[in-house]
N, C-alpha and C. Protein backbone atom coordinates (compact mmCIF):
# COMPACT_ATOMS: atom_id res chain seq x y z
N MET A 1 -0.91 0.93 -40.36
CA MET A 1 -1.83 0.54 -39.32
C MET A 1 -1.33 -0.68 -38.56
N GLN A 2 -0.86 -1.67 -39.33
CA GLN A 2 -0.35 -2.88 -38.70
C GLN A 2 0.88 -2.55 -37.85
N HIS A 3 1.70 -1.63 -38.33
CA HIS A 3 2.90 -1.21 -37.60
C HIS A 3 2.50 -0.55 -36.28
N ALA A 4 1.46 0.29 -36.30
CA ALA A 4 1.00 0.97 -35.09
C ALA A 4 0.47 -0.04 -34.07
N ILE A 5 -0.24 -1.04 -34.54
CA ILE A 5 -0.77 -2.07 -33.64
C ILE A 5 0.38 -2.86 -33.02
N ARG A 6 1.37 -3.19 -33.83
CA ARG A 6 2.53 -3.91 -33.33
C ARG A 6 3.27 -3.08 -32.27
N LEU A 7 3.46 -1.78 -32.53
CA LEU A 7 4.12 -0.90 -31.57
C LEU A 7 3.32 -0.81 -30.27
N LEU A 8 2.01 -0.71 -30.40
CA LEU A 8 1.15 -0.66 -29.22
C LEU A 8 1.28 -1.94 -28.40
N GLY A 9 1.35 -3.09 -29.08
CA GLY A 9 1.54 -4.37 -28.39
C GLY A 9 2.85 -4.42 -27.64
N TRP A 10 3.94 -3.95 -28.28
CA TRP A 10 5.25 -3.94 -27.62
C TRP A 10 5.26 -2.97 -26.45
N ALA A 11 4.64 -1.82 -26.62
CA ALA A 11 4.59 -0.83 -25.54
C ALA A 11 3.84 -1.39 -24.34
N THR A 12 2.73 -2.08 -24.60
CA THR A 12 1.95 -2.70 -23.52
C THR A 12 2.78 -3.75 -22.79
N LEU A 13 3.48 -4.58 -23.55
CA LEU A 13 4.32 -5.61 -22.95
C LEU A 13 5.41 -4.99 -22.09
N CYS A 14 6.05 -3.93 -22.58
CA CYS A 14 7.10 -3.27 -21.80
C CYS A 14 6.56 -2.70 -20.50
N VAL A 15 5.37 -2.10 -20.54
CA VAL A 15 4.77 -1.56 -19.33
C VAL A 15 4.47 -2.68 -18.35
N LEU A 16 3.90 -3.77 -18.83
CA LEU A 16 3.58 -4.90 -17.94
C LEU A 16 4.82 -5.50 -17.32
N VAL A 17 5.88 -5.65 -18.10
CA VAL A 17 7.13 -6.18 -17.56
C VAL A 17 7.71 -5.22 -16.53
N GLY A 18 7.69 -3.93 -16.83
CA GLY A 18 8.20 -2.92 -15.91
C GLY A 18 7.45 -2.90 -14.60
N VAL A 19 6.14 -3.00 -14.65
CA VAL A 19 5.33 -3.02 -13.43
C VAL A 19 5.61 -4.29 -12.64
N GLY A 20 5.75 -5.40 -13.32
CA GLY A 20 6.00 -6.68 -12.65
C GLY A 20 7.35 -6.76 -11.99
N CYS A 21 8.29 -5.93 -12.44
CA CYS A 21 9.64 -5.97 -11.89
C CYS A 21 9.82 -5.04 -10.70
N GLY A 22 8.77 -4.35 -10.31
CA GLY A 22 8.87 -3.45 -9.16
C GLY A 22 9.18 -4.24 -7.90
N LYS A 23 9.95 -3.62 -7.00
CA LYS A 23 10.32 -4.29 -5.75
C LYS A 23 9.12 -4.32 -4.81
N LYS A 24 8.79 -5.50 -4.35
CA LYS A 24 7.67 -5.67 -3.43
C LYS A 24 8.22 -6.20 -2.11
N ALA A 25 7.74 -5.64 -1.02
CA ALA A 25 8.19 -6.09 0.29
C ALA A 25 7.69 -7.51 0.54
N PRO A 26 8.50 -8.33 1.21
CA PRO A 26 8.05 -9.68 1.51
C PRO A 26 6.91 -9.64 2.53
N ALA A 27 6.04 -10.65 2.47
CA ALA A 27 4.94 -10.72 3.43
C ALA A 27 5.47 -11.03 4.82
N GLU A 28 6.47 -11.89 4.88
CA GLU A 28 7.04 -12.29 6.16
C GLU A 28 8.52 -12.54 5.97
N ALA A 29 9.33 -12.13 6.94
CA ALA A 29 10.76 -12.33 6.83
C ALA A 29 11.32 -12.69 8.20
N ALA A 30 12.41 -13.43 8.19
CA ALA A 30 13.09 -13.81 9.43
C ALA A 30 14.55 -14.07 9.11
N GLY A 31 15.41 -13.73 10.05
CA GLY A 31 16.82 -14.01 9.89
C GLY A 31 17.19 -15.32 10.55
N GLN A 32 18.32 -15.87 10.19
CA GLN A 32 18.77 -17.13 10.79
C GLN A 32 19.40 -16.93 12.17
N THR A 33 19.84 -15.70 12.46
CA THR A 33 20.41 -15.37 13.76
C THR A 33 19.78 -14.07 14.25
N PRO A 34 19.86 -13.80 15.55
CA PRO A 34 19.35 -12.51 16.04
C PRO A 34 20.06 -11.33 15.37
N GLU A 35 21.37 -11.45 15.16
CA GLU A 35 22.14 -10.37 14.54
C GLU A 35 21.70 -10.12 13.10
N GLU A 36 21.50 -11.20 12.34
CA GLU A 36 21.07 -11.07 10.95
C GLU A 36 19.72 -10.37 10.87
N THR A 37 18.82 -10.75 11.75
CA THR A 37 17.49 -10.14 11.78
C THR A 37 17.60 -8.66 12.13
N ALA A 38 18.37 -8.34 13.15
CA ALA A 38 18.52 -6.94 13.58
C ALA A 38 19.13 -6.09 12.48
N LYS A 39 20.15 -6.61 11.79
CA LYS A 39 20.78 -5.85 10.70
C LYS A 39 19.80 -5.59 9.56
N ALA A 40 19.04 -6.61 9.18
CA ALA A 40 18.09 -6.46 8.07
C ALA A 40 16.98 -5.48 8.45
N PHE A 41 16.47 -5.60 9.67
CA PHE A 41 15.42 -4.69 10.14
C PHE A 41 15.95 -3.26 10.17
N ALA A 42 17.14 -3.07 10.74
CA ALA A 42 17.73 -1.73 10.85
C ALA A 42 18.01 -1.13 9.48
N ALA A 43 18.52 -1.93 8.55
CA ALA A 43 18.80 -1.44 7.20
C ALA A 43 17.51 -1.01 6.49
N ALA A 44 16.45 -1.79 6.65
CA ALA A 44 15.17 -1.44 6.04
C ALA A 44 14.64 -0.14 6.65
N MET A 45 14.75 -0.02 7.96
CA MET A 45 14.29 1.20 8.62
C MET A 45 15.12 2.41 8.16
N ALA A 46 16.45 2.24 8.09
CA ALA A 46 17.33 3.35 7.69
C ALA A 46 17.04 3.83 6.28
N SER A 47 16.64 2.91 5.40
CA SER A 47 16.36 3.30 4.02
C SER A 47 14.91 3.76 3.85
N GLY A 48 14.13 3.75 4.94
CA GLY A 48 12.74 4.20 4.88
C GLY A 48 11.78 3.14 4.34
N ASP A 49 12.26 1.91 4.18
CA ASP A 49 11.42 0.82 3.67
C ASP A 49 10.71 0.14 4.84
N THR A 50 9.72 0.82 5.38
CA THR A 50 9.04 0.30 6.57
C THR A 50 8.19 -0.93 6.26
N LYS A 51 7.81 -1.13 5.00
CA LYS A 51 7.06 -2.34 4.65
C LYS A 51 7.95 -3.58 4.81
N THR A 52 9.20 -3.47 4.38
CA THR A 52 10.12 -4.59 4.57
C THR A 52 10.45 -4.75 6.05
N ALA A 53 10.68 -3.65 6.74
CA ALA A 53 10.96 -3.72 8.19
C ALA A 53 9.79 -4.41 8.90
N ALA A 54 8.57 -4.06 8.52
CA ALA A 54 7.38 -4.65 9.15
C ALA A 54 7.29 -6.14 8.88
N ALA A 55 7.87 -6.61 7.78
CA ALA A 55 7.84 -8.05 7.47
C ALA A 55 8.66 -8.85 8.48
N TYR A 56 9.60 -8.21 9.16
CA TYR A 56 10.43 -8.89 10.16
C TYR A 56 9.76 -8.98 11.53
N TRP A 57 8.59 -8.37 11.69
CA TRP A 57 7.91 -8.36 12.99
C TRP A 57 7.31 -9.73 13.29
N ALA A 58 7.30 -10.12 14.55
CA ALA A 58 6.81 -11.43 14.99
C ALA A 58 5.30 -11.36 15.26
N TYR A 59 4.51 -11.40 14.18
CA TYR A 59 3.05 -11.25 14.33
C TYR A 59 2.41 -12.45 15.00
N ASP A 60 2.91 -13.65 14.75
CA ASP A 60 2.32 -14.82 15.41
C ASP A 60 2.51 -14.73 16.92
N ALA A 61 3.70 -14.32 17.36
CA ALA A 61 3.96 -14.19 18.79
C ALA A 61 3.05 -13.12 19.40
N GLN A 62 2.90 -12.00 18.70
CA GLN A 62 2.02 -10.93 19.17
C GLN A 62 0.57 -11.40 19.23
N ALA A 63 0.13 -12.10 18.19
CA ALA A 63 -1.26 -12.57 18.13
C ALA A 63 -1.55 -13.59 19.22
N ARG A 64 -0.60 -14.49 19.48
CA ARG A 64 -0.80 -15.49 20.54
C ARG A 64 -0.90 -14.82 21.91
N GLN A 65 -0.09 -13.76 22.09
CA GLN A 65 -0.12 -13.04 23.36
C GLN A 65 -1.46 -12.32 23.52
N ASP A 66 -1.97 -11.73 22.43
CA ASP A 66 -3.23 -10.99 22.48
C ASP A 66 -4.46 -11.89 22.49
N ASN A 67 -4.33 -13.11 21.92
CA ASN A 67 -5.48 -14.00 21.80
C ASN A 67 -5.05 -15.45 22.01
N PRO A 68 -5.36 -16.02 23.17
CA PRO A 68 -4.95 -17.40 23.46
C PRO A 68 -5.50 -18.44 22.48
N ASP A 69 -6.56 -18.09 21.74
CA ASP A 69 -7.16 -19.02 20.78
C ASP A 69 -6.55 -18.89 19.37
N TRP A 70 -5.47 -18.15 19.23
CA TRP A 70 -4.88 -17.85 17.92
C TRP A 70 -4.70 -19.10 17.06
N ASP A 71 -4.17 -20.16 17.63
CA ASP A 71 -3.88 -21.36 16.85
C ASP A 71 -5.15 -22.10 16.39
N SER A 72 -6.30 -21.77 16.95
CA SER A 72 -7.53 -22.41 16.51
C SER A 72 -8.18 -21.65 15.33
N PHE A 73 -7.66 -20.46 15.01
CA PHE A 73 -8.19 -19.71 13.86
C PHE A 73 -7.80 -20.43 12.58
N PRO A 74 -8.67 -20.43 11.58
CA PRO A 74 -8.30 -21.03 10.29
C PRO A 74 -7.11 -20.27 9.68
N PRO A 75 -6.23 -20.97 8.97
CA PRO A 75 -5.04 -20.33 8.40
C PRO A 75 -5.36 -19.09 7.56
N GLY A 76 -6.42 -19.13 6.79
CA GLY A 76 -6.79 -17.97 5.97
C GLY A 76 -7.12 -16.75 6.81
N GLN A 77 -7.80 -16.98 7.92
CA GLN A 77 -8.15 -15.89 8.82
C GLN A 77 -6.89 -15.33 9.49
N ARG A 78 -5.99 -16.21 9.90
CA ARG A 78 -4.73 -15.75 10.50
C ARG A 78 -3.94 -14.91 9.50
N SER A 79 -3.90 -15.34 8.24
CA SER A 79 -3.19 -14.59 7.20
C SER A 79 -3.78 -13.20 7.02
N GLN A 80 -5.10 -13.11 7.02
CA GLN A 80 -5.75 -11.81 6.87
C GLN A 80 -5.44 -10.90 8.05
N ILE A 81 -5.48 -11.44 9.23
CA ILE A 81 -5.18 -10.66 10.44
C ILE A 81 -3.74 -10.17 10.39
N LYS A 82 -2.81 -11.06 10.03
CA LYS A 82 -1.39 -10.67 9.97
C LYS A 82 -1.16 -9.61 8.89
N ALA A 83 -1.86 -9.70 7.77
CA ALA A 83 -1.72 -8.69 6.71
C ALA A 83 -2.14 -7.32 7.22
N LYS A 84 -3.23 -7.27 7.96
CA LYS A 84 -3.69 -5.99 8.54
C LYS A 84 -2.69 -5.48 9.57
N LEU A 85 -2.18 -6.39 10.40
CA LEU A 85 -1.18 -5.99 11.39
C LEU A 85 0.08 -5.44 10.71
N ARG A 86 0.51 -6.08 9.61
CA ARG A 86 1.69 -5.63 8.87
C ARG A 86 1.50 -4.22 8.31
N GLU A 87 0.33 -3.97 7.73
CA GLU A 87 0.03 -2.63 7.20
C GLU A 87 0.11 -1.60 8.31
N SER A 88 -0.52 -1.91 9.43
CA SER A 88 -0.53 -1.00 10.57
C SER A 88 0.88 -0.78 11.12
N LYS A 89 1.65 -1.86 11.21
CA LYS A 89 3.02 -1.77 11.73
C LYS A 89 3.90 -0.93 10.82
N ALA A 90 3.76 -1.09 9.50
CA ALA A 90 4.57 -0.31 8.56
C ALA A 90 4.32 1.19 8.76
N GLU A 91 3.06 1.56 8.96
CA GLU A 91 2.73 2.96 9.23
C GLU A 91 3.34 3.42 10.54
N GLU A 92 3.21 2.60 11.56
CA GLU A 92 3.74 2.92 12.89
C GLU A 92 5.26 3.09 12.86
N LEU A 93 5.94 2.25 12.09
CA LEU A 93 7.40 2.28 12.05
C LEU A 93 7.95 3.54 11.39
N ARG A 94 7.16 4.18 10.54
CA ARG A 94 7.63 5.40 9.87
C ARG A 94 8.12 6.44 10.88
N ALA A 95 7.43 6.53 12.00
CA ALA A 95 7.77 7.52 13.01
C ALA A 95 9.15 7.27 13.64
N GLY A 96 9.60 6.03 13.65
CA GLY A 96 10.87 5.71 14.29
C GLY A 96 12.03 5.48 13.34
N ALA A 97 11.80 5.65 12.05
CA ALA A 97 12.84 5.34 11.07
C ALA A 97 14.11 6.16 11.26
N SER A 98 13.99 7.40 11.73
CA SER A 98 15.17 8.26 11.88
C SER A 98 16.15 7.74 12.92
N VAL A 99 15.68 6.92 13.85
CA VAL A 99 16.56 6.32 14.87
C VAL A 99 17.68 5.52 14.21
N PHE A 100 17.40 4.96 13.03
CA PHE A 100 18.33 4.05 12.38
C PHE A 100 19.20 4.70 11.31
N ALA A 101 19.29 6.03 11.32
CA ALA A 101 20.10 6.74 10.32
C ALA A 101 21.53 6.21 10.32
N GLY A 102 21.99 5.78 9.16
CA GLY A 102 23.34 5.25 9.01
C GLY A 102 23.42 3.74 9.08
N ALA A 103 22.35 3.08 9.51
CA ALA A 103 22.38 1.63 9.67
C ALA A 103 22.36 0.89 8.34
N ASP A 104 22.03 1.59 7.26
CA ASP A 104 22.00 0.94 5.95
C ASP A 104 23.38 0.91 5.31
N LYS A 105 24.38 1.48 5.97
CA LYS A 105 25.74 1.52 5.44
C LYS A 105 26.70 0.77 6.36
N GLY A 106 26.44 -0.50 6.57
CA GLY A 106 27.35 -1.33 7.35
C GLY A 106 27.19 -1.22 8.85
N ALA A 107 26.02 -1.56 9.34
CA ALA A 107 25.78 -1.53 10.78
C ALA A 107 26.52 -2.67 11.48
N GLU A 108 26.89 -2.44 12.72
CA GLU A 108 27.46 -3.49 13.55
C GLU A 108 26.40 -3.91 14.57
N THR A 109 26.47 -5.16 15.00
CA THR A 109 25.50 -5.66 15.98
C THR A 109 26.23 -6.36 17.11
N ALA A 110 25.60 -6.32 18.27
CA ALA A 110 26.09 -7.06 19.44
C ALA A 110 24.86 -7.64 20.13
N ALA A 111 24.81 -8.97 20.19
CA ALA A 111 23.65 -9.63 20.79
C ALA A 111 23.94 -10.06 22.22
N GLN A 112 22.94 -9.91 23.05
CA GLN A 112 22.99 -10.42 24.41
C GLN A 112 21.61 -10.99 24.69
N GLY A 113 21.50 -12.31 24.57
CA GLY A 113 20.21 -12.97 24.71
C GLY A 113 19.30 -12.57 23.56
N ASP A 114 18.10 -12.11 23.89
CA ASP A 114 17.16 -11.71 22.85
C ASP A 114 17.20 -10.22 22.54
N GLN A 115 18.25 -9.55 22.98
CA GLN A 115 18.44 -8.11 22.73
C GLN A 115 19.65 -7.91 21.83
N VAL A 116 19.49 -7.14 20.76
CA VAL A 116 20.59 -6.88 19.84
C VAL A 116 20.78 -5.37 19.73
N THR A 117 21.98 -4.91 20.07
CA THR A 117 22.30 -3.49 19.92
C THR A 117 22.85 -3.27 18.53
N VAL A 118 22.27 -2.30 17.81
CA VAL A 118 22.70 -1.96 16.46
C VAL A 118 23.46 -0.64 16.54
N SER A 119 24.66 -0.63 15.97
CA SER A 119 25.51 0.56 15.96
C SER A 119 25.93 0.89 14.54
N ALA A 120 26.22 2.16 14.32
CA ALA A 120 26.77 2.61 13.04
C ALA A 120 27.80 3.69 13.33
N SER A 121 28.92 3.61 12.67
CA SER A 121 30.00 4.59 12.87
C SER A 121 30.38 4.71 14.34
N GLY A 122 30.39 3.57 15.05
CA GLY A 122 30.80 3.57 16.45
C GLY A 122 29.77 4.12 17.42
N ARG A 123 28.57 4.43 16.97
CA ARG A 123 27.54 5.00 17.82
C ARG A 123 26.36 4.04 17.90
N ALA A 124 25.95 3.68 19.12
CA ALA A 124 24.79 2.81 19.30
C ALA A 124 23.53 3.54 18.85
N LEU A 125 22.75 2.89 18.00
CA LEU A 125 21.53 3.51 17.47
C LEU A 125 20.27 3.02 18.18
N ALA A 126 20.17 1.70 18.33
CA ALA A 126 18.95 1.13 18.88
C ALA A 126 19.21 -0.24 19.47
N VAL A 127 18.30 -0.66 20.34
CA VAL A 127 18.30 -2.02 20.88
C VAL A 127 17.04 -2.68 20.33
N ILE A 128 17.25 -3.80 19.63
CA ILE A 128 16.15 -4.52 18.99
C ILE A 128 15.92 -5.82 19.75
N SER A 129 14.67 -6.07 20.10
CA SER A 129 14.29 -7.32 20.77
C SER A 129 13.84 -8.31 19.69
N VAL A 130 14.31 -9.55 19.82
CA VAL A 130 13.95 -10.59 18.85
C VAL A 130 13.45 -11.83 19.57
N THR A 131 12.76 -12.66 18.82
CA THR A 131 12.30 -13.95 19.33
C THR A 131 12.49 -14.99 18.23
N GLN A 132 12.67 -16.22 18.63
CA GLN A 132 12.81 -17.28 17.64
C GLN A 132 11.43 -17.81 17.28
N SER A 133 11.17 -17.90 15.96
CA SER A 133 9.91 -18.43 15.46
C SER A 133 10.21 -19.67 14.63
N ASP A 134 9.18 -20.26 14.06
CA ASP A 134 9.37 -21.44 13.21
C ASP A 134 10.25 -21.12 11.99
N SER A 135 10.20 -19.88 11.52
CA SER A 135 10.95 -19.52 10.31
C SER A 135 12.31 -18.89 10.60
N GLY A 136 12.63 -18.61 11.84
CA GLY A 136 13.91 -17.99 12.19
C GLY A 136 13.69 -16.98 13.31
N TYR A 137 14.48 -15.91 13.29
CA TYR A 137 14.35 -14.87 14.31
C TYR A 137 13.57 -13.69 13.74
N GLN A 138 12.67 -13.16 14.58
CA GLN A 138 11.85 -12.02 14.18
C GLN A 138 11.86 -10.98 15.28
N VAL A 139 11.49 -9.76 14.92
CA VAL A 139 11.53 -8.61 15.82
C VAL A 139 10.26 -8.56 16.67
N THR A 140 10.44 -8.27 17.97
CA THR A 140 9.28 -8.07 18.85
C THR A 140 9.21 -6.64 19.37
N GLY A 141 10.27 -5.86 19.15
CA GLY A 141 10.27 -4.47 19.60
C GLY A 141 11.62 -3.83 19.40
N TYR A 142 11.67 -2.52 19.57
CA TYR A 142 12.95 -1.81 19.51
C TYR A 142 12.82 -0.52 20.30
N ALA A 143 13.96 -0.01 20.71
CA ALA A 143 14.01 1.27 21.42
C ALA A 143 15.31 1.96 21.04
N PRO A 144 15.29 3.29 20.99
CA PRO A 144 16.54 3.99 20.72
C PRO A 144 17.55 3.67 21.82
N ALA A 145 18.82 3.58 21.42
CA ALA A 145 19.87 3.29 22.41
C ALA A 145 20.05 4.52 23.30
N SER A 146 20.34 4.27 24.55
CA SER A 146 20.51 5.40 25.47
C SER A 146 21.97 5.69 25.71
């Protein structure tokens, strides 16, 4: 009986450790350069990890554009709004993930101002728009390359 209880305790611990080690998308992410941001966003999109891709989106910039009083909102309220926007953005990004096929295997980037062209295997995949935020560079939009 004592052996069974001990085994049950170890099994529970293993399950808890395993669950805790699962990969979780960051709440917010930014690159130090426009190219770094574009590569990380494109790689996340190419691998189908739209939650991580959504973490690179510039929600503060979007919120300020949509609501001039954004900075007067309490920090907790801003965090809640951004969390909802992130969830919505991750769902929205699923539809465009195929644009980035191949970008998770060594994409190349070329920046011109706030526009970064992402290419893979010599073929332009998308143009990603970025903006500089307090934490680095974040994505404001993207379009398939023409």
